[in-house]
Protein backbone atom coordinates (compact mmCIF):
# COMPACT_ATOMS: atom_id res chain seq x y z
CA MET A 1 21.90 -9.86 80.35
CA ALA A 2 24.16 -10.38 77.34
CA LEU A 3 22.68 -10.65 73.88
CA HIS A 4 24.07 -13.15 71.40
CA LYS A 5 23.81 -12.48 67.71
CA LEU A 6 23.69 -15.36 65.25
CA LEU A 7 24.84 -14.57 61.74
CA VAL A 8 23.04 -16.58 59.09
CA ASP A 9 25.98 -16.54 56.66
CA ASP A 10 28.15 -18.48 59.12
CA TYR A 11 26.58 -21.80 58.14
CA TYR A 12 27.71 -21.54 54.54
CA ASP A 13 30.50 -23.91 53.63
CA ASP A 14 32.32 -23.04 50.41
CA ASP A 15 34.61 -26.03 49.99
CA TYR A 16 33.01 -27.25 46.80
CA LYS A 17 33.38 -26.69 43.10
CA LEU A 18 30.44 -25.82 40.88
CA ILE A 19 30.33 -26.55 37.16
CA ALA A 20 27.55 -25.27 34.90
CA ILE A 21 26.49 -27.43 31.93
CA HIS A 22 24.55 -26.35 28.86
CA CYS A 23 22.95 -29.26 26.98
CA ARG A 24 19.54 -30.36 25.77
CA LEU A 25 19.74 -33.93 27.06
CA GLU A 26 17.40 -35.62 29.50
CA ASP A 27 18.79 -35.88 33.02
CA TYR A 28 19.25 -39.65 32.98
CA ARG A 29 21.10 -39.50 29.65
CA LEU A 30 23.49 -36.83 30.93
CA ALA A 31 24.13 -38.86 34.09
CA TYR A 32 24.95 -41.88 31.92
CA LEU A 33 27.42 -39.87 29.80
CA LEU A 34 29.08 -38.43 32.90
CA ASN A 35 29.40 -41.89 34.43
CA LYS A 36 30.90 -43.25 31.21
CA ASN A 37 33.35 -40.42 30.45
CA LEU A 38 34.39 -39.32 33.95
CA GLY A 39 34.35 -42.76 35.60
CA LEU A 40 31.62 -41.81 38.05
CA ASN A 41 28.78 -43.80 39.54
CA LEU A 42 25.97 -41.23 39.72
CA VAL A 43 22.65 -42.66 40.91
CA ARG A 44 19.32 -40.85 40.97
CA ASN A 45 18.04 -40.13 44.46
CA LEU A 46 14.63 -41.46 45.39
CA LYS A 47 13.45 -37.93 46.19
CA ASP A 48 13.98 -34.90 44.01
CA LEU A 49 14.92 -31.50 45.38
CA ASP A 50 11.69 -29.70 46.26
CA PHE A 51 11.43 -25.96 46.76
CA LYS A 52 8.69 -23.50 47.62
CA TYR A 53 6.29 -26.02 49.18
CA LEU A 54 6.38 -28.49 46.29
CA THR A 55 5.95 -25.79 43.67
CA SER A 56 9.05 -26.94 41.83
CA SER A 57 11.19 -30.07 41.95
CA TYR A 58 14.57 -30.74 40.38
CA SER A 59 16.11 -34.09 39.46
CA PHE A 60 19.06 -35.00 41.64
CA PHE A 61 21.83 -37.58 41.06
CA GLU A 62 24.56 -38.25 43.61
CA TRP A 63 27.64 -40.39 44.16
CA ASN A 64 29.66 -40.46 47.37
CA ASN A 65 33.19 -41.64 46.55
CA LYS A 66 34.33 -42.72 50.00
CA ALA A 67 37.79 -43.77 48.80
CA GLU A 68 38.70 -40.24 47.69
CA TYR A 69 36.42 -38.31 50.10
CA VAL A 70 34.54 -36.69 47.22
CA THR A 71 30.79 -36.29 46.76
CA TRP A 72 29.55 -35.70 43.22
CA SER A 73 26.09 -34.24 42.66
CA LEU A 74 24.27 -33.58 39.41
CA VAL A 75 21.20 -31.38 39.73
CA SER A 76 18.88 -29.94 37.13
CA ASN A 77 18.45 -26.18 37.02
CA ILE A 78 15.13 -26.21 35.15
CA CYS A 79 11.72 -27.42 36.29
CA LYS A 80 8.80 -27.21 33.89
CA LYS A 81 5.39 -27.71 35.44
CA GLU A 82 1.96 -27.71 33.86
CA GLU A 83 -0.64 -25.71 35.76
CA ASP A 84 -4.23 -24.64 35.20
CA SER A 85 -4.45 -21.25 33.57
CA MET A 86 -6.46 -18.41 35.00
CA TYR A 87 -9.58 -17.63 33.02
CA SER A 88 -12.62 -15.47 33.44
CA ALA A 89 -15.76 -17.24 34.67
CA GLY A 90 -18.02 -14.74 32.89
CA THR A 91 -17.08 -15.75 29.37
CA LEU A 92 -19.33 -17.42 26.86
CA PHE A 93 -17.14 -20.50 26.49
CA GLU A 94 -15.39 -22.22 29.35
CA THR A 95 -11.92 -23.53 28.65
CA ASN A 96 -9.62 -25.59 30.81
CA ASP A 97 -6.34 -24.46 29.32
CA LYS A 98 -3.05 -25.53 30.80
CA THR A 99 0.01 -23.33 30.91
CA LEU A 100 3.60 -24.47 31.16
CA LYS A 101 5.53 -22.63 33.88
CA THR A 102 9.30 -22.74 34.13
CA PHE A 103 11.14 -22.53 37.44
CA HIS A 104 14.91 -22.29 38.02
CA LEU A 105 16.97 -23.61 40.93
CA ILE A 106 19.45 -20.75 40.51
CA PRO A 107 17.46 -17.85 39.02
CA GLU A 108 20.59 -15.80 38.27
CA LEU A 109 21.76 -18.47 35.80
CA LYS A 110 18.59 -19.17 33.83
CA ARG A 111 20.37 -20.44 30.72
CA VAL A 112 22.21 -23.21 32.58
CA ASP A 113 20.57 -26.63 32.24
CA PHE A 114 22.48 -28.63 34.89
CA PHE A 115 24.98 -28.12 37.69
CA ILE A 116 27.69 -30.47 38.90
CA LYS A 117 28.59 -29.87 42.52
CA ILE A 118 31.85 -31.48 43.65
CA SER A 119 32.36 -31.48 47.40
CA ASP A 120 35.91 -32.58 48.11
CA GLU A 121 37.40 -32.44 51.57
CA ILE A 122 41.06 -32.76 50.59
CA GLN A 123 40.96 -30.72 47.34
CA ASN A 124 42.27 -33.48 45.06
CA VAL A 125 39.89 -32.98 42.12
CA ASN A 126 41.46 -31.58 38.94
CA GLU A 127 38.90 -29.07 37.69
CA ASN A 128 40.65 -28.42 34.36
CA LEU A 129 40.70 -32.13 33.53
CA ILE A 130 36.99 -32.41 34.28
CA LEU A 131 36.17 -29.40 32.08
CA SER A 132 38.23 -30.72 29.18
CA THR A 133 36.53 -34.11 29.47
CA LEU A 134 33.10 -32.44 29.51
CA GLN A 135 34.02 -30.39 26.44
CA SER A 136 34.96 -33.60 24.59
CA ILE A 137 31.42 -35.01 24.99
CA PRO A 138 29.59 -34.09 21.75
CA GLN A 139 26.14 -33.80 23.35
CA ILE A 140 27.29 -31.08 25.79
CA ILE A 141 27.20 -27.62 24.25
CA THR A 142 29.47 -25.96 26.81
CA SER A 143 30.57 -26.22 30.43
CA TYR A 144 32.37 -23.82 32.74
CA THR A 145 33.05 -23.21 36.41
CA VAL A 146 30.90 -20.92 38.50
CA ASN A 147 32.06 -19.11 41.60
CA PRO A 148 29.53 -20.08 44.32
CA LEU A 149 30.34 -16.94 46.32
CA LYS A 150 28.91 -14.73 43.55
CA ILE A 151 25.53 -16.48 43.45
CA LYS A 152 22.75 -14.79 45.44
CA SER A 153 20.71 -17.98 45.86
CA LYS A 154 23.62 -20.17 46.98
CA GLY A 155 21.43 -21.52 49.78
CA HIS A 156 19.62 -23.66 47.18
CA LEU A 157 22.84 -25.61 46.66
CA ILE A 158 22.96 -26.92 50.21
CA PHE A 159 21.87 -30.56 50.01
């Protein structure tokens, strides 16, 4: 009987561009500025991206431009969640302290605040024009392209 081997890396599709954004804006404010300056129509999805059995969730905006066969996605890289802290039950005073835990969608790029994923089927998106437009927005500190093939957790970007 013949054995068939399925390689997990075969499912990965690398026909998208990934742009990292550093800024201290709220997600809805950044989506508004991107819509205004790039001529997009990003809309927040009803459900956020959830990972690790609802341990962390990331805001997710998307626009499917059917005329140009391009899908634009804006996703947050940082999730801050308040959790109960661990404390000893044998202490004199009981405290119910909360700790703030930070999770990252792409742990290799912890300093990145947001990612723009551009999935274009016919490769008609001018990446340099997008980067120069992003650099002209005063609220954005910096933006640059990221090679998705060099990211270890690239499976988190499949949505």
